[in-house]
Amino acid sequence: MRVVRAVIWWFDSILGGNDYQRYVQHQRLRHPDTAVPSEREYWRQRHDASERNPQNRCC
């Protein structure tokens, strides 16, 4: 069971599943006076940014 959880965690990390949580932690620690966007807004902003700057994509 531990191996299954580790594999799920690994895939989730690669696919960005933990990114929003890390972003919220960063915002609260480094920028406590700014509003934290909802998870939906975060992903929308992230995808918009990747469309404007496609250099990090493979295709």
N, C-alpha and C. Protein backbone atom coordinates (compact mmCIF):
# COMPACT_ATOMS: atom_id res chain seq x y z
N MET A 1 0.82 -1.20 0.00
CA MET A 1 0.00 0.00 0.00
C MET A 1 0.87 1.26 0.00
N ARG A 2 1.98 1.23 0.72
CA ARG A 2 2.88 2.38 0.75
C ARG A 2 3.47 2.66 -0.63
N VAL A 3 3.74 1.61 -1.37
CA VAL A 3 4.29 1.77 -2.71
C VAL A 3 3.25 2.42 -3.62
N VAL A 4 2.01 2.00 -3.51
CA VAL A 4 0.94 2.57 -4.33
C VAL A 4 0.79 4.06 -4.01
N ARG A 5 0.79 4.42 -2.74
CA ARG A 5 0.69 5.83 -2.36
C ARG A 5 1.88 6.63 -2.88
N ALA A 6 3.07 6.03 -2.82
CA ALA A 6 4.26 6.72 -3.32
C ALA A 6 4.17 6.96 -4.82
N VAL A 7 3.68 5.98 -5.55
CA VAL A 7 3.54 6.12 -7.00
C VAL A 7 2.50 7.19 -7.33
N ILE A 8 1.38 7.18 -6.61
CA ILE A 8 0.34 8.20 -6.83
C ILE A 8 0.88 9.58 -6.51
N TRP A 9 1.60 9.72 -5.41
CA TRP A 9 2.21 11.01 -5.06
C TRP A 9 3.17 11.46 -6.14
N TRP A 10 3.98 10.55 -6.67
CA TRP A 10 4.97 10.88 -7.69
C TRP A 10 4.28 11.38 -8.96
N PHE A 11 3.26 10.67 -9.43
CA PHE A 11 2.54 11.11 -10.62
C PHE A 11 1.85 12.45 -10.38
N ASP A 12 1.25 12.60 -9.22
CA ASP A 12 0.58 13.85 -8.89
C ASP A 12 1.57 15.01 -8.90
N SER A 13 2.76 14.79 -8.38
CA SER A 13 3.79 15.83 -8.37
C SER A 13 4.24 16.20 -9.78
N ILE A 14 4.42 15.20 -10.62
CA ILE A 14 4.85 15.45 -11.99
C ILE A 14 3.79 16.22 -12.76
N LEU A 15 2.53 15.89 -12.53
CA LEU A 15 1.45 16.53 -13.26
C LEU A 15 1.03 17.87 -12.67
N GLY A 16 1.67 18.28 -11.59
CA GLY A 16 1.40 19.60 -11.02
C GLY A 16 0.32 19.62 -9.97
N GLY A 17 -0.05 18.48 -9.44
CA GLY A 17 -1.12 18.41 -8.47
C GLY A 17 -0.84 19.16 -7.17
N ASN A 18 0.43 19.32 -6.83
CA ASN A 18 0.79 20.00 -5.59
C ASN A 18 1.13 21.47 -5.81
N ASP A 19 1.09 21.92 -7.03
CA ASP A 19 1.54 23.27 -7.34
C ASP A 19 0.71 24.35 -6.66
N TYR A 20 -0.59 24.18 -6.64
CA TYR A 20 -1.44 25.21 -6.03
C TYR A 20 -1.18 25.30 -4.53
N GLN A 21 -1.04 24.16 -3.86
CA GLN A 21 -0.77 24.18 -2.43
C GLN A 21 0.56 24.86 -2.12
N ARG A 22 1.57 24.58 -2.93
CA ARG A 22 2.88 25.23 -2.74
C ARG A 22 2.77 26.73 -3.00
N TYR A 23 1.99 27.10 -4.01
CA TYR A 23 1.79 28.51 -4.33
C TYR A 23 1.12 29.24 -3.17
N VAL A 24 0.09 28.63 -2.59
CA VAL A 24 -0.61 29.24 -1.46
C VAL A 24 0.33 29.39 -0.28
N GLN A 25 1.13 28.38 0.01
CA GLN A 25 2.09 28.48 1.11
C GLN A 25 3.07 29.62 0.86
N HIS A 26 3.57 29.71 -0.37
CA HIS A 26 4.51 30.77 -0.71
C HIS A 26 3.87 32.14 -0.54
N GLN A 27 2.65 32.29 -1.06
CA GLN A 27 1.95 33.58 -0.96
C GLN A 27 1.76 33.98 0.50
N ARG A 28 1.35 33.05 1.33
CA ARG A 28 1.09 33.36 2.74
C ARG A 28 2.37 33.69 3.49
N LEU A 29 3.48 33.05 3.13
CA LEU A 29 4.75 33.33 3.81
C LEU A 29 5.42 34.60 3.31
N ARG A 30 5.49 34.76 2.01
CA ARG A 30 6.25 35.86 1.40
C ARG A 30 5.43 37.10 1.10
N HIS A 31 4.14 36.93 0.86
CA HIS A 31 3.27 38.05 0.47
C HIS A 31 1.97 37.99 1.26
N PRO A 32 2.05 38.11 2.58
CA PRO A 32 0.84 37.92 3.40
C PRO A 32 -0.26 38.95 3.18
N ASP A 33 0.07 40.11 2.62
CA ASP A 33 -0.92 41.15 2.42
C ASP A 33 -1.68 41.04 1.10
N THR A 34 -1.25 40.13 0.24
CA THR A 34 -1.93 39.99 -1.05
C THR A 34 -2.99 38.90 -0.97
N ALA A 35 -4.02 39.05 -1.78
CA ALA A 35 -5.09 38.05 -1.82
C ALA A 35 -4.61 36.82 -2.58
N VAL A 36 -4.98 35.66 -2.09
CA VAL A 36 -4.63 34.40 -2.74
C VAL A 36 -5.78 34.04 -3.68
N PRO A 37 -5.48 33.85 -4.97
CA PRO A 37 -6.56 33.50 -5.90
C PRO A 37 -7.10 32.10 -5.61
N SER A 38 -8.30 31.85 -6.05
CA SER A 38 -8.86 30.51 -5.90
C SER A 38 -8.04 29.54 -6.76
N GLU A 39 -8.22 28.26 -6.52
CA GLU A 39 -7.47 27.28 -7.30
C GLU A 39 -7.82 27.38 -8.78
N ARG A 40 -9.08 27.63 -9.07
CA ARG A 40 -9.50 27.78 -10.47
C ARG A 40 -8.81 28.98 -11.12
N GLU A 41 -8.79 30.11 -10.41
CA GLU A 41 -8.12 31.31 -10.94
C GLU A 41 -6.62 31.06 -11.12
N TYR A 42 -6.02 30.34 -10.17
CA TYR A 42 -4.58 30.03 -10.25
C TYR A 42 -4.28 29.26 -11.53
N TRP A 43 -5.06 28.20 -11.79
CA TRP A 43 -4.81 27.39 -12.98
C TRP A 43 -5.07 28.17 -14.26
N ARG A 44 -6.08 29.02 -14.23
CA ARG A 44 -6.37 29.84 -15.41
C ARG A 44 -5.19 30.77 -15.69
N GLN A 45 -4.67 31.43 -14.66
CA GLN A 45 -3.53 32.32 -14.83
C GLN A 45 -2.29 31.54 -15.30
N ARG A 46 -2.11 30.38 -14.75
CA ARG A 46 -0.95 29.56 -15.12
C ARG A 46 -1.02 29.13 -16.58
N HIS A 47 -2.19 28.69 -17.02
CA HIS A 47 -2.33 28.28 -18.42
C HIS A 47 -2.24 29.47 -19.37
N ASP A 48 -2.78 30.60 -18.98
CA ASP A 48 -2.64 31.81 -19.80
C ASP A 48 -1.17 32.20 -19.94
N ALA A 49 -0.43 32.11 -18.85
CA ALA A 49 0.99 32.45 -18.89
C ALA A 49 1.76 31.48 -19.80
N SER A 50 1.40 30.21 -19.75
CA SER A 50 2.10 29.25 -20.62
C SER A 50 1.77 29.47 -22.09
N GLU A 51 0.58 29.97 -22.37
CA GLU A 51 0.22 30.30 -23.75
C GLU A 51 0.99 31.51 -24.25
N ARG A 52 1.20 32.48 -23.38
CA ARG A 52 1.95 33.68 -23.76
C ARG A 52 3.44 33.40 -23.89
N ASN A 53 3.95 32.42 -23.13
CA ASN A 53 5.37 32.13 -23.11
C ASN A 53 5.56 30.61 -23.29
N PRO A 54 5.48 30.12 -24.51
CA PRO A 54 5.48 28.67 -24.75
C PRO A 54 6.85 27.99 -24.71
N GLN A 55 7.88 28.67 -24.28
CA GLN A 55 9.23 28.09 -24.35
C GLN A 55 9.41 26.87 -23.44
N ASN A 56 8.59 26.70 -22.43
CA ASN A 56 8.74 25.56 -21.52
C ASN A 56 7.95 24.33 -21.97
N ARG A 57 7.24 24.42 -23.06
CA ARG A 57 6.46 23.28 -23.54
C ARG A 57 7.28 22.44 -24.51
N CYS A 58 6.91 21.21 -24.63
CA CYS A 58 7.65 20.33 -25.54
C CYS A 58 7.15 20.44 -26.97
N CYS A 59 5.93 20.88 -27.19
CA CYS A 59 5.37 20.87 -28.55
C CYS A 59 4.94 22.24 -29.00
